[in-house]
Structure formats: structure tokens, C-alpha cells
Amino acid sequence: MTELVDPEDPAAGLAAVVALRRLADRLEDSQVEQAMRAGWSWSDVAEVLGVTRQAVHKKHAKRLIAAGVALRRR
């Protein structure tokens, strides 16, 4: 197996962490939007993500509204 990051280079390792966080954020945004378009509630999404309903709403509501997603109330 080929090493993706030189274990002796902290800068490369930290850059990989940043890249993974950005990828995870984009994936979360996409999947939350897909779930909400499919009629999921904030509570449904929060349960799967392992966070509170309020946390999901705070993080995603404005973006989803701007994208034209019809959001459920509770």
C-alpha cells in the first residue's frame, strides 16, 4: 500500500486533515439537502448524524432555504 502522507512531515499531515474536513463538510451539506428534499425532519437528520436537531438546523437552514428547499417544521 502506498503512503498518502509522509508520516514524518507534520505540514503534509495537517494539510490532509484540512482536506478531509472540507470533503466531509461538502458531503454532509449534500446529504442533508438530499434528506430534507426527501421529506426528512430535522430530528431525523440529527439522529443519524449524532447531533441535536438544533445543531443541524443552525448549520444548514440558511443554506437550504437559499437553495429553495421546502423545510418541514418539526
PDB file of N, CA and C in Angstrom:
ATOM      1  N   MET A   1       0.839  -1.180   0.000  1.00  0.00           N
ATOM      2  CA  MET A   1       0.000   0.000   0.000  1.00  0.00           C
ATOM      3  C   MET A   1       0.887   1.249   0.000  1.00  0.00           C
ATOM      4  N   THR A   2       0.538   2.227  -0.786  1.00  0.00           N
ATOM      5  CA  THR A   2       1.312   3.453  -0.895  1.00  0.00           C
ATOM      6  C   THR A   2       0.890   4.436   0.190  1.00  0.00           C
ATOM      7  N   GLU A   3       1.874   5.068   0.829  1.00  0.00           N
ATOM      8  CA  GLU A   3       1.598   6.106   1.828  1.00  0.00           C
ATOM      9  C   GLU A   3       1.052   7.344   1.112  1.00  0.00           C
ATOM     10  N   LEU A   4      -0.051   7.888   1.623  1.00  0.00           N
ATOM     11  CA  LEU A   4      -0.611   9.098   1.034  1.00  0.00           C
ATOM     12  C   LEU A   4       0.023  10.353   1.624  1.00  0.00           C
ATOM     13  N   VAL A   5       0.461  10.245   2.883  1.00  0.00           N
ATOM     14  CA  VAL A   5       1.058  11.376   3.572  1.00  0.00           C
ATOM     15  C   VAL A   5       2.341  10.898   4.230  1.00  0.00           C
ATOM     16  N   ASP A   6       3.402  11.658   4.103  1.00  0.00           N
ATOM     17  CA  ASP A   6       4.665  11.338   4.752  1.00  0.00           C
ATOM     18  C   ASP A   6       4.478  11.471   6.261  1.00  0.00           C
ATOM     19  N   PRO A   7       4.582  10.372   7.022  1.00  0.00           N
ATOM     20  CA  PRO A   7       4.359  10.433   8.467  1.00  0.00           C
ATOM     21  C   PRO A   7       5.382  11.308   9.193  1.00  0.00           C
ATOM     22  N   GLU A   8       6.455  11.649   8.537  1.00  0.00           N
ATOM     23  CA  GLU A   8       7.492  12.497   9.133  1.00  0.00           C
ATOM     24  C   GLU A   8       7.271  13.979   8.852  1.00  0.00           C
ATOM     25  N   ASP A   9       6.245  14.305   8.071  1.00  0.00           N
ATOM     26  CA  ASP A   9       6.003  15.695   7.667  1.00  0.00           C
ATOM     27  C   ASP A   9       4.682  16.193   8.256  1.00  0.00           C
ATOM     28  N   PRO A  10       4.740  16.882   9.404  1.00  0.00           N
ATOM     29  CA  PRO A  10       3.509  17.367  10.027  1.00  0.00           C
ATOM     30  C   PRO A  10       2.697  18.298   9.119  1.00  0.00           C
ATOM     31  N   ALA A  11       3.350  19.091   8.312  1.00  0.00           N
ATOM     32  CA  ALA A  11       2.621  20.011   7.422  1.00  0.00           C
ATOM     33  C   ALA A  11       1.759  19.224   6.435  1.00  0.00           C
ATOM     34  N   ALA A  12       2.312  18.161   5.888  1.00  0.00           N
ATOM     35  CA  ALA A  12       1.549  17.346   4.946  1.00  0.00           C
ATOM     36  C   ALA A  12       0.394  16.649   5.655  1.00  0.00           C
ATOM     37  N   GLY A  13       0.638  16.159   6.848  1.00  0.00           N
ATOM     38  CA  GLY A  13      -0.419  15.504   7.617  1.00  0.00           C
ATOM     39  C   GLY A  13      -1.547  16.458   7.966  1.00  0.00           C
ATOM     40  N   LEU A  14      -1.189  17.655   8.396  1.00  0.00           N
ATOM     41  CA  LEU A  14      -2.210  18.644   8.741  1.00  0.00           C
ATOM     42  C   LEU A  14      -2.975  19.109   7.507  1.00  0.00           C
ATOM     43  N   ALA A  15      -2.289  19.238   6.392  1.00  0.00           N
ATOM     44  CA  ALA A  15      -2.962  19.600   5.144  1.00  0.00           C
ATOM     45  C   ALA A  15      -3.974  18.511   4.758  1.00  0.00           C
ATOM     46  N   ALA A  16      -3.618  17.268   4.989  1.00  0.00           N
ATOM     47  CA  ALA A  16      -4.541  16.164   4.704  1.00  0.00           C
ATOM     48  C   ALA A  16      -5.765  16.239   5.613  1.00  0.00           C
ATOM     49  N   VAL A  17      -5.569  16.588   6.873  1.00  0.00           N
ATOM     50  CA  VAL A  17      -6.689  16.747   7.799  1.00  0.00           C
ATOM     51  C   VAL A  17      -7.637  17.835   7.301  1.00  0.00           C
ATOM     52  N   VAL A  18      -7.091  18.969   6.882  1.00  0.00           N
ATOM     53  CA  VAL A  18      -7.913  20.074   6.368  1.00  0.00           C
ATOM     54  C   VAL A  18      -8.702  19.615   5.141  1.00  0.00           C
ATOM     55  N   ALA A  19      -8.036  18.917   4.229  1.00  0.00           N
ATOM     56  CA  ALA A  19      -8.705  18.446   3.016  1.00  0.00           C
ATOM     57  C   ALA A  19      -9.840  17.474   3.362  1.00  0.00           C
ATOM     58  N   LEU A  20      -9.607  16.589   4.308  1.00  0.00           N
ATOM     59  CA  LEU A  20     -10.649  15.638   4.710  1.00  0.00           C
ATOM     60  C   LEU A  20     -11.827  16.348   5.370  1.00  0.00           C
ATOM     61  N   ARG A  21     -11.559  17.349   6.197  1.00  0.00           N
ATOM     62  CA  ARG A  21     -12.652  18.111   6.827  1.00  0.00           C
ATOM     63  C   ARG A  21     -13.497  18.815   5.771  1.00  0.00           C
ATOM     64  N   ARG A  22     -12.847  19.416   4.793  1.00  0.00           N
ATOM     65  CA  ARG A  22     -13.592  20.106   3.730  1.00  0.00           C
ATOM     66  C   ARG A  22     -14.444  19.127   2.938  1.00  0.00           C
ATOM     67  N   LEU A  23     -13.885  17.972   2.635  1.00  0.00           N
ATOM     68  CA  LEU A  23     -14.629  16.947   1.915  1.00  0.00           C
ATOM     69  C   LEU A  23     -15.812  16.462   2.752  1.00  0.00           C
ATOM     70  N   ALA A  24     -15.595  16.219   4.033  1.00  0.00           N
ATOM     71  CA  ALA A  24     -16.671  15.776   4.922  1.00  0.00           C
ATOM     72  C   ALA A  24     -17.766  16.833   5.011  1.00  0.00           C
ATOM     73  N   ASP A  25     -17.404  18.102   5.082  1.00  0.00           N
ATOM     74  CA  ASP A  25     -18.397  19.181   5.136  1.00  0.00           C
ATOM     75  C   ASP A  25     -19.235  19.224   3.861  1.00  0.00           C
ATOM     76  N   ARG A  26     -18.589  19.091   2.719  1.00  0.00           N
ATOM     77  CA  ARG A  26     -19.332  19.099   1.451  1.00  0.00           C
ATOM     78  C   ARG A  26     -20.266  17.901   1.350  1.00  0.00           C
ATOM     79  N   LEU A  27     -19.786  16.742   1.789  1.00  0.00           N
ATOM     80  CA  LEU A  27     -20.609  15.540   1.765  1.00  0.00           C
ATOM     81  C   LEU A  27     -21.802  15.695   2.709  1.00  0.00           C
ATOM     82  N   GLU A  28     -21.567  16.240   3.903  1.00  0.00           N
ATOM     83  CA  GLU A  28     -22.666  16.467   4.849  1.00  0.00           C
ATOM     84  C   GLU A  28     -23.689  17.429   4.256  1.00  0.00           C
ATOM     85  N   ASP A  29     -23.230  18.542   3.688  1.00  0.00           N
ATOM     86  CA  ASP A  29     -24.147  19.508   3.082  1.00  0.00           C
ATOM     87  C   ASP A  29     -25.030  18.835   2.031  1.00  0.00           C
ATOM     88  N   SER A  30     -24.406  18.071   1.173  1.00  0.00           N
ATOM     89  CA  SER A  30     -25.127  17.410   0.097  1.00  0.00           C
ATOM     90  C   SER A  30     -26.148  16.412   0.634  1.00  0.00           C
ATOM     91  N   GLN A  31     -25.743  15.610   1.600  1.00  0.00           N
ATOM     92  CA  GLN A  31     -26.634  14.572   2.106  1.00  0.00           C
ATOM     93  C   GLN A  31     -27.755  15.141   2.971  1.00  0.00           C
ATOM     94  N   VAL A  32     -27.482  16.199   3.726  1.00  0.00           N
ATOM     95  CA  VAL A  32     -28.545  16.847   4.490  1.00  0.00           C
ATOM     96  C   VAL A  32     -29.558  17.435   3.517  1.00  0.00           C
ATOM     97  N   GLU A  33     -29.093  18.088   2.475  1.00  0.00           N
ATOM     98  CA  GLU A  33     -30.022  18.639   1.482  1.00  0.00           C
ATOM     99  C   GLU A  33     -30.855  17.539   0.848  1.00  0.00           C
ATOM    100  N   GLN A  34     -30.223  16.445   0.485  1.00  0.00           N
ATOM    101  CA  GLN A  34     -30.956  15.332  -0.129  1.00  0.00           C
ATOM    102  C   GLN A  34     -32.005  14.781   0.837  1.00  0.00           C
ATOM    103  N   ALA A  35     -31.643  14.628   2.100  1.00  0.00           N
ATOM    104  CA  ALA A  35     -32.581  14.115   3.101  1.00  0.00           C
ATOM    105  C   ALA A  35     -33.762  15.067   3.282  1.00  0.00           C
ATOM    106  N   MET A  36     -33.484  16.370   3.356  1.00  0.00           N
ATOM    107  CA  MET A  36     -34.559  17.337   3.552  1.00  0.00           C
ATOM    108  C   MET A  36     -35.476  17.394   2.332  1.00  0.00           C
ATOM    109  N   ARG A  37     -34.905  17.285   1.144  1.00  0.00           N
ATOM    110  CA  ARG A  37     -35.732  17.257  -0.076  1.00  0.00           C
ATOM    111  C   ARG A  37     -36.599  15.994  -0.114  1.00  0.00           C
ATOM    112  N   ALA A  38     -36.124  14.935   0.545  1.00  0.00           N
ATOM    113  CA  ALA A  38     -36.879  13.674   0.595  1.00  0.00           C
ATOM    114  C   ALA A  38     -37.922  13.669   1.715  1.00  0.00           C
ATOM    115  N   GLY A  39     -38.010  14.791   2.452  1.00  0.00           N
ATOM    116  CA  GLY A  39     -39.043  14.894   3.473  1.00  0.00           C
ATOM    117  C   GLY A  39     -38.623  14.536   4.884  1.00  0.00           C
ATOM    118  N   TRP A  40     -37.337  14.345   5.098  1.00  0.00           N
ATOM    119  CA  TRP A  40     -36.867  14.049   6.451  1.00  0.00           C
ATOM    120  C   TRP A  40     -37.074  15.271   7.340  1.00  0.00           C
ATOM    121  N   SER A  41     -37.221  15.026   8.625  1.00  0.00           N
ATOM    122  CA  SER A  41     -37.315  16.120   9.596  1.00  0.00           C
ATOM    123  C   SER A  41     -35.915  16.455  10.107  1.00  0.00           C
ATOM    124  N   TRP A  42     -35.823  17.608  10.766  1.00  0.00           N
ATOM    125  CA  TRP A  42     -34.550  17.981  11.393  1.00  0.00           C
ATOM    126  C   TRP A  42     -34.140  16.907  12.404  1.00  0.00           C
ATOM    127  N   SER A  43     -35.105  16.378  13.127  1.00  0.00           N
ATOM    128  CA  SER A  43     -34.811  15.345  14.127  1.00  0.00           C
ATOM    129  C   SER A  43     -34.279  14.074  13.486  1.00  0.00           C
ATOM    130  N   ASP A  44     -34.855  13.694  12.341  1.00  0.00           N
ATOM    131  CA  ASP A  44     -34.380  12.503  11.628  1.00  0.00           C
ATOM    132  C   ASP A  44     -32.912  12.655  11.234  1.00  0.00           C
ATOM    133  N   VAL A  45     -32.594  13.801  10.645  1.00  0.00           N
ATOM    134  CA  VAL A  45     -31.226  14.063  10.197  1.00  0.00           C
ATOM    135  C   VAL A  45     -30.284  14.101  11.400  1.00  0.00           C
ATOM    136  N   ALA A  46     -30.698  14.804  12.445  1.00  0.00           N
ATOM    137  CA  ALA A  46     -29.858  14.937  13.637  1.00  0.00           C
ATOM    138  C   ALA A  46     -29.551  13.584  14.256  1.00  0.00           C
ATOM    139  N   GLU A  47     -30.538  12.722  14.304  1.00  0.00           N
ATOM    140  CA  GLU A  47     -30.329  11.401  14.905  1.00  0.00           C
ATOM    141  C   GLU A  47     -29.258  10.612  14.154  1.00  0.00           C
ATOM    142  N   VAL A  48     -29.339  10.627  12.844  1.00  0.00           N
ATOM    143  CA  VAL A  48     -28.359   9.891  12.039  1.00  0.00           C
ATOM    144  C   VAL A  48     -26.964  10.492  12.186  1.00  0.00           C
ATOM    145  N   LEU A  49     -26.886  11.818  12.263  1.00  0.00           N
ATOM    146  CA  LEU A  49     -25.580  12.483  12.397  1.00  0.00           C
ATOM    147  C   LEU A  49     -25.039  12.441  13.819  1.00  0.00           C
ATOM    148  N   GLY A  50     -25.891  12.100  14.778  1.00  0.00           N
ATOM    149  CA  GLY A  50     -25.441  12.026  16.166  1.00  0.00           C
ATOM    150  C   GLY A  50     -25.274  13.387  16.819  1.00  0.00           C
ATOM    151  N   VAL A  51     -26.101  14.336  16.401  1.00  0.00           N
ATOM    152  CA  VAL A  51     -26.074  15.690  16.956  1.00  0.00           C
ATOM    153  C   VAL A  51     -27.501  16.088  17.314  1.00  0.00           C
ATOM    154  N   THR A  52     -27.673  17.294  17.849  1.00  0.00           N
ATOM    155  CA  THR A  52     -29.016  17.750  18.181  1.00  0.00           C
ATOM    156  C   THR A  52     -29.718  18.318  16.952  1.00  0.00           C
ATOM    157  N   ARG A  53     -31.038  18.354  17.043  1.00  0.00           N
ATOM    158  CA  ARG A  53     -31.848  18.939  15.986  1.00  0.00           C
ATOM    159  C   ARG A  53     -31.471  20.410  15.797  1.00  0.00           C
ATOM    160  N   GLN A  54     -31.240  21.075  16.916  1.00  0.00           N
ATOM    161  CA  GLN A  54     -30.877  22.486  16.858  1.00  0.00           C
ATOM    162  C   GLN A  54     -29.541  22.697  16.140  1.00  0.00           C
ATOM    163  N   ALA A  55     -28.596  21.808  16.374  1.00  0.00           N
ATOM    164  CA  ALA A  55     -27.279  21.928  15.729  1.00  0.00           C
ATOM    165  C   ALA A  55     -27.394  21.783  14.213  1.00  0.00           C
ATOM    166  N   VAL A  56     -28.197  20.826  13.772  1.00  0.00           N
ATOM    167  CA  VAL A  56     -28.377  20.623  12.326  1.00  0.00           C
ATOM    168  C   VAL A  56     -29.079  21.837  11.722  1.00  0.00           C
ATOM    169  N   HIS A  57     -30.102  22.302  12.386  1.00  0.00           N
ATOM    170  CA  HIS A  57     -30.849  23.463  11.884  1.00  0.00           C
ATOM    171  C   HIS A  57     -29.941  24.684  11.777  1.00  0.00           C
ATOM    172  N   LYS A  58     -29.189  24.949  12.834  1.00  0.00           N
ATOM    173  CA  LYS A  58     -28.302  26.114  12.845  1.00  0.00           C
ATOM    174  C   LYS A  58     -27.268  26.055  11.716  1.00  0.00           C
ATOM    175  N   LYS A  59     -26.734  24.863  11.480  1.00  0.00           N
ATOM    176  CA  LYS A  59     -25.677  24.708  10.481  1.00  0.00           C
ATOM    177  C   LYS A  59     -26.199  24.766   9.044  1.00  0.00           C
ATOM    178  N   HIS A  60     -27.423  24.271   8.811  1.00  0.00           N
ATOM    179  CA  HIS A  60     -27.857  24.053   7.433  1.00  0.00           C
ATOM    180  C   HIS A  60     -29.068  24.866   6.971  1.00  0.00           C
ATOM    181  N   ALA A  61     -29.863  25.410   7.874  1.00  0.00           N
ATOM    182  CA  ALA A  61     -31.146  26.021   7.475  1.00  0.00           C
ATOM    183  C   ALA A  61     -30.994  27.144   6.458  1.00  0.00           C
ATOM    184  N   LYS A  62     -30.124  28.093   6.708  1.00  0.00           N
ATOM    185  CA  LYS A  62     -29.993  29.236   5.793  1.00  0.00           C
ATOM    186  C   LYS A  62     -29.606  28.787   4.389  1.00  0.00           C
ATOM    187  N   ARG A  63     -28.655  27.862   4.313  1.00  0.00           N
ATOM    188  CA  ARG A  63     -28.205  27.384   3.005  1.00  0.00           C
ATOM    189  C   ARG A  63     -29.330  26.654   2.275  1.00  0.00           C
ATOM    190  N   LEU A  64     -30.083  25.845   3.010  1.00  0.00           N
ATOM    191  CA  LEU A  64     -31.171  25.094   2.395  1.00  0.00           C
ATOM    192  C   LEU A  64     -32.293  26.021   1.918  1.00  0.00           C
ATOM    193  N   ILE A  65     -32.623  27.014   2.714  1.00  0.00           N
ATOM    194  CA  ILE A  65     -33.636  27.991   2.305  1.00  0.00           C
ATOM    195  C   ILE A  65     -33.189  28.706   1.038  1.00  0.00           C
ATOM    196  N   ALA A  66     -31.919  29.121   1.001  1.00  0.00           N
ATOM    197  CA  ALA A  66     -31.375  29.796  -0.186  1.00  0.00           C
ATOM    198  C   ALA A  66     -31.404  28.892  -1.415  1.00  0.00           C
ATOM    199  N   ALA A  67     -31.300  27.575  -1.185  1.00  0.00           N
ATOM    200  CA  ALA A  67     -31.332  26.611  -2.290  1.00  0.00           C
ATOM    201  C   ALA A  67     -32.760  26.255  -2.698  1.00  0.00           C
ATOM    202  N   GLY A  68     -33.741  26.832  -2.002  1.00  0.00           N
ATOM    203  CA  GLY A  68     -35.133  26.587  -2.364  1.00  0.00           C
ATOM    204  C   GLY A  68     -35.718  25.292  -1.819  1.00  0.00           C
ATOM    205  N   VAL A  69     -35.091  24.743  -0.796  1.00  0.00           N
ATOM    206  CA  VAL A  69     -35.589  23.503  -0.203  1.00  0.00           C
ATOM    207  C   VAL A  69     -36.749  23.846   0.737  1.00  0.00           C
ATOM    208  N   ALA A  70     -37.875  23.163   0.557  1.00  0.00           N
ATOM    209  CA  ALA A  70     -39.031  23.346   1.440  1.00  0.00           C
ATOM    210  C   ALA A  70     -38.746  22.594   2.737  1.00  0.00           C
ATOM    211  N   LEU A  71     -38.622  23.329   3.824  1.00  0.00           N
ATOM    212  CA  LEU A  71     -38.255  22.727   5.099  1.00  0.00           C
ATOM    213  C   LEU A  71     -39.490  22.424   5.923  1.00  0.00           C
ATOM    214  N   ARG A  72     -39.432  21.275   6.598  1.00  0.00           N
ATOM    215  CA  ARG A  72     -40.510  20.883   7.498  1.00  0.00           C
ATOM    216  C   ARG A  72     -40.360  21.613   8.813  1.00  0.00           C
ATOM    217  N   ARG A  73     -41.420  21.833   9.463  1.00  0.00           N
ATOM    218  CA  ARG A  73     -41.379  22.426  10.815  1.00  0.00           C
ATOM    219  C   ARG A  73     -41.000  21.355  11.785  1.00  0.00           C
ATOM    220  N   ARG A  74     -41.297  20.768  12.563  1.00  0.00           N
ATOM    221  CA  ARG A  74     -40.933  19.669  13.429  1.00  0.00           C
ATOM    222  C   ARG A  74     -41.610  18.497  12.923  1.00  0.00           C
TER     223      ARG A  74
END
